[in-house]
Protein backbone atom coordinates (compact mmCIF):
# COMPACT_ATOMS: atom_id res chain seq x y z
CA UNK A 1 9.75 15.73 -8.53
CA UNK A 2 7.49 16.56 -11.48
CA UNK A 3 5.50 14.10 -13.59
CA UNK A 4 4.84 14.41 -17.32
CA UNK A 5 1.29 15.38 -16.46
CA UNK A 6 1.14 19.16 -16.10
CA UNK A 7 -2.18 19.39 -14.25
CA UNK A 8 -2.33 19.40 -10.44
CA UNK A 9 -2.44 16.26 -8.32
CA UNK A 10 -5.10 16.27 -5.60
CA UNK A 11 -5.49 13.93 -2.64
CA UNK A 12 -9.17 13.58 -1.71
CA UNK A 13 -8.45 12.54 1.86
CA UNK A 14 -7.73 14.10 5.24
CA UNK A 15 -5.74 11.04 6.32
CA UNK A 16 -2.33 12.16 7.59
CA UNK A 17 -0.95 8.71 6.70
CA UNK A 18 -1.89 9.05 3.03
CA UNK A 19 -0.46 12.55 2.94
CA UNK A 20 2.80 11.29 4.46
CA UNK A 21 3.05 8.55 1.82
CA UNK A 22 2.67 11.04 -1.04
CA UNK A 23 5.13 13.40 0.66
CA UNK A 24 7.58 10.49 0.86
CA UNK A 25 7.46 10.25 -2.94
CA UNK A 26 8.35 13.93 -3.26
CA UNK A 27 5.15 14.72 -5.13
CA UNK A 28 3.59 18.16 -5.36
CA UNK A 29 -0.10 17.86 -4.49
CA UNK A 30 -3.05 19.54 -2.79
CA UNK A 31 -5.33 18.06 -0.16
CA UNK A 32 -9.01 18.67 -0.86
CA UNK A 33 -11.69 16.70 0.91
CA UNK A 34 -15.42 16.53 0.33
CA UNK A 35 -17.71 14.80 2.82
CA UNK A 36 -19.50 11.86 1.21
CA UNK A 37 -22.04 9.28 2.25
CA UNK A 38 -19.99 6.25 3.33
CA UNK A 39 -22.89 3.84 3.64
CA UNK A 40 -22.96 0.92 1.22
CA UNK A 41 -25.52 -1.76 0.42
CA UNK A 42 -25.36 -4.74 2.80
CA UNK A 43 -23.52 -7.93 1.86
CA UNK A 44 -21.21 -6.31 -0.68
CA UNK A 45 -17.81 -8.02 -0.92
CA UNK A 46 -15.03 -6.04 0.85
CA UNK A 47 -13.26 -5.30 -2.44
CA UNK A 48 -16.44 -3.77 -3.87
CA UNK A 49 -17.03 -1.70 -0.72
CA UNK A 50 -13.59 -0.04 -0.81
CA UNK A 51 -13.68 0.55 -4.56
CA UNK A 52 -17.13 2.14 -4.32
CA UNK A 53 -16.09 4.45 -1.47
CA UNK A 54 -12.74 5.41 -3.01
CA UNK A 55 -14.41 6.38 -6.27
CA UNK A 56 -17.18 8.24 -4.44
CA UNK A 57 -14.58 10.31 -2.56
CA UNK A 58 -12.51 11.10 -5.67
CA UNK A 59 -15.52 12.04 -7.80
CA UNK A 60 -16.96 14.29 -5.10
CA UNK A 61 -13.81 16.40 -5.23
CA UNK A 62 -13.28 16.15 -9.00
CA UNK A 63 -16.76 17.43 -9.85
CA UNK A 64 -15.88 20.76 -8.20
CA UNK A 65 -12.69 21.19 -10.23
CA UNK A 66 -11.98 22.06 -13.84
CA UNK A 67 -8.65 20.28 -14.00
CA UNK A 68 -6.41 17.91 -12.09
CA UNK A 69 -5.98 14.26 -11.14
CA UNK A 70 -7.89 13.40 -7.99
CA UNK A 71 -6.81 10.44 -5.83
CA UNK A 72 -9.41 8.81 -3.59
CA UNK A 73 -8.86 5.88 -1.22
CA UNK A 74 -10.69 3.85 1.38
CA UNK A 75 -9.24 1.18 3.69
CA UNK A 76 -10.93 -1.54 5.72
CA UNK A 77 -9.78 -4.48 7.82
CA UNK A 78 -11.57 -7.79 7.33
CA UNK A 79 -11.45 -10.51 9.98
CA UNK A 80 -13.28 -13.78 9.34
CA UNK A 81 -15.54 -12.07 6.82
CA UNK A 82 -16.40 -9.22 9.19
CA UNK A 83 -15.46 -5.64 8.31
CA UNK A 84 -13.70 -3.83 11.14
CA UNK A 85 -13.81 -0.07 10.76
CA UNK A 86 -12.44 2.56 13.12
CA UNK A 87 -13.30 1.88 16.76
CA UNK A 88 -15.84 4.23 18.29
CA UNK A 89 -14.55 3.90 21.85
CA UNK A 90 -11.93 2.28 24.10
CA UNK A 91 -13.92 -0.91 24.59
CA UNK A 92 -14.49 -1.47 20.89
CA UNK A 93 -10.78 -1.00 20.19
CA UNK A 94 -9.94 -3.62 22.82
CA UNK A 95 -12.47 -6.05 21.36
CA UNK A 96 -11.09 -5.62 17.84
CA UNK A 97 -7.53 -6.30 18.94
CA UNK A 98 -8.63 -9.34 20.94
CA UNK A 99 -10.20 -10.69 17.75
CA UNK A 100 -7.11 -10.01 15.62
CA UNK A 101 -4.51 -11.37 18.05
CA UNK A 102 -2.95 -14.71 17.20
CA UNK A 103 -4.50 -14.98 13.74
CA UNK A 104 -4.57 -13.48 10.28
CA UNK A 105 -6.76 -10.84 8.72
CA UNK A 106 -6.88 -8.93 5.45
CA UNK A 107 -6.55 -5.25 4.67
CA UNK A 108 -8.38 -3.95 1.60
CA UNK A 109 -7.76 -0.51 0.13
CA UNK A 110 -9.81 0.85 -2.71
CA UNK A 111 -7.97 3.28 -4.98
CA UNK A 112 -9.60 5.63 -7.48
CA UNK A 113 -8.03 8.25 -9.73
CA UNK A 114 -10.36 10.65 -11.50
CA UNK A 115 -9.37 13.19 -14.16
CA UNK A 116 -11.44 16.28 -13.40
CA UNK A 117 -11.41 17.69 -16.93
CA UNK A 118 -12.73 14.54 -18.64
CA UNK A 119 -14.36 12.56 -15.85
CA UNK A 120 -12.22 9.53 -16.75
CA UNK A 121 -11.86 7.26 -13.72
CA UNK A 122 -9.71 4.23 -12.94
CA UNK A 123 -10.71 2.27 -9.84
CA UNK A 124 -9.17 -0.85 -8.31
CA UNK A 125 -8.30 -2.41 -4.98
CA UNK A 126 -5.33 -3.99 -3.23
CA UNK A 127 -5.48 -6.77 -0.65
CA UNK A 128 -2.79 -7.56 1.94
CA UNK A 129 -2.72 -10.38 4.49
CA UNK A 130 -1.51 -9.47 7.99
CA UNK A 131 -0.67 -12.02 10.67
CA UNK A 132 -0.68 -10.96 14.32
CA UNK A 133 1.26 -12.70 17.08
CA UNK A 134 -0.52 -13.67 20.28
CA UNK A 135 -1.07 -10.60 22.44
CA UNK A 136 -1.68 -10.51 26.17
CA UNK A 137 -4.70 -8.53 27.40
CA UNK A 138 -2.40 -6.23 29.38
CA UNK A 139 -0.60 -5.30 26.16
CA UNK A 140 -3.89 -4.60 24.40
CA UNK A 141 -5.11 -2.37 27.22
CA UNK A 142 -1.81 -0.48 27.34
CA UNK A 143 -1.78 -0.04 23.57
CA UNK A 144 -5.35 1.27 23.40
CA UNK A 145 -4.51 3.66 26.25
CA UNK A 146 -1.90 5.32 23.97
CA UNK A 147 -4.78 6.55 21.79
CA UNK A 148 -3.11 5.34 18.60
CA UNK A 149 -5.83 2.83 17.63
CA UNK A 150 -8.74 5.26 17.80
CA UNK A 151 -8.71 6.57 14.22
CA UNK A 152 -7.40 3.43 12.55
CA UNK A 153 -9.35 0.70 10.77
CA UNK A 154 -8.96 -2.48 12.82
CA UNK A 155 -7.69 -0.44 15.80
CA UNK A 156 -3.97 -0.55 14.99
CA UNK A 157 -1.29 1.34 13.08
CA UNK A 158 1.26 -0.73 11.18
CA UNK A 159 3.56 2.31 10.98
CA UNK A 160 3.25 3.03 14.72
CA UNK A 161 3.40 1.17 18.01
CA UNK A 162 1.01 -1.40 16.57
CA UNK A 163 3.91 -2.77 14.52
CA UNK A 164 5.02 -4.78 17.58
CA UNK A 165 1.97 -7.02 17.16
CA UNK A 166 2.64 -7.92 13.53
CA UNK A 167 4.36 -11.22 12.94
CA UNK A 168 4.20 -11.16 9.15
CA UNK A 169 2.78 -9.20 6.20
CA UNK A 170 2.01 -10.86 2.88
CA UNK A 171 1.56 -8.28 0.16
CA UNK A 172 1.85 -4.52 -0.11
CA UNK A 173 3.02 -2.81 3.10
CA UNK A 174 1.84 0.69 2.14
CA UNK A 175 -1.60 -0.78 1.47
CA UNK A 176 -1.87 -1.53 5.19
CA UNK A 177 -1.05 2.12 5.93
CA UNK A 178 -3.83 3.20 3.57
CA UNK A 179 -2.46 3.77 0.06
CA UNK A 180 -0.91 1.07 -2.18
CA UNK A 181 1.86 3.09 -3.80
CA UNK A 182 2.88 0.53 -6.44
CA UNK A 183 -0.68 0.34 -7.74
CA UNK A 184 -1.01 4.13 -7.56
CA UNK A 185 2.08 4.54 -9.75
CA UNK A 186 0.60 2.12 -12.30
CA UNK A 187 -2.71 3.98 -12.39
CA UNK A 188 -1.11 7.40 -12.72
CA UNK A 189 0.79 6.17 -15.78
CA UNK A 190 -2.58 5.60 -17.45
CA UNK A 191 -3.02 9.38 -17.21
CA UNK A 192 0.53 10.01 -18.53
CA UNK A 193 1.77 10.89 -15.06
CA UNK A 194 5.05 9.18 -14.24
CA UNK A 195 6.22 9.63 -10.65
CA UNK A 196 9.89 9.23 -11.61
CA UNK A 197 9.89 11.65 -14.55
């Protein structure tokens, strides 16, 4: 499927989930990743954090290219005002899931598209509310033992086994995976790239 835009599409992420989402759309794209500093000033609102990091990732790749549209993204889970990143070990994954069980949290994804030739950038964020059912400790331990939570913000995968914990999602489903596709389509149109044409 080819857009009106004739320059290449680049995903500035090594996330297999984001790659799978773009593959699902039938898009032709490259994956190019540049390591960036992911620290942010303290006390920034979650929406600002993800927008800042998404744009930082996209610009780091775009500045090394002469042409192309570069897509950057960053996803975090927020529970009671606390940002939950990727767990660093088994115990932290268990703790995160114990916090999330039986209540709601929010998933924020920052999305940035940068045109390498001009430097033009469009940055925004999407927020989705996720409600978990009550989970027994034995289930949490068994789930963490699968290894699935270890590279996921909030220690779960909505598109994997972690789906059995989710009672309800309010908002964009693909945002919880890591890339809000509806918003991406809107942004790409601002660069004359239409996914369906």
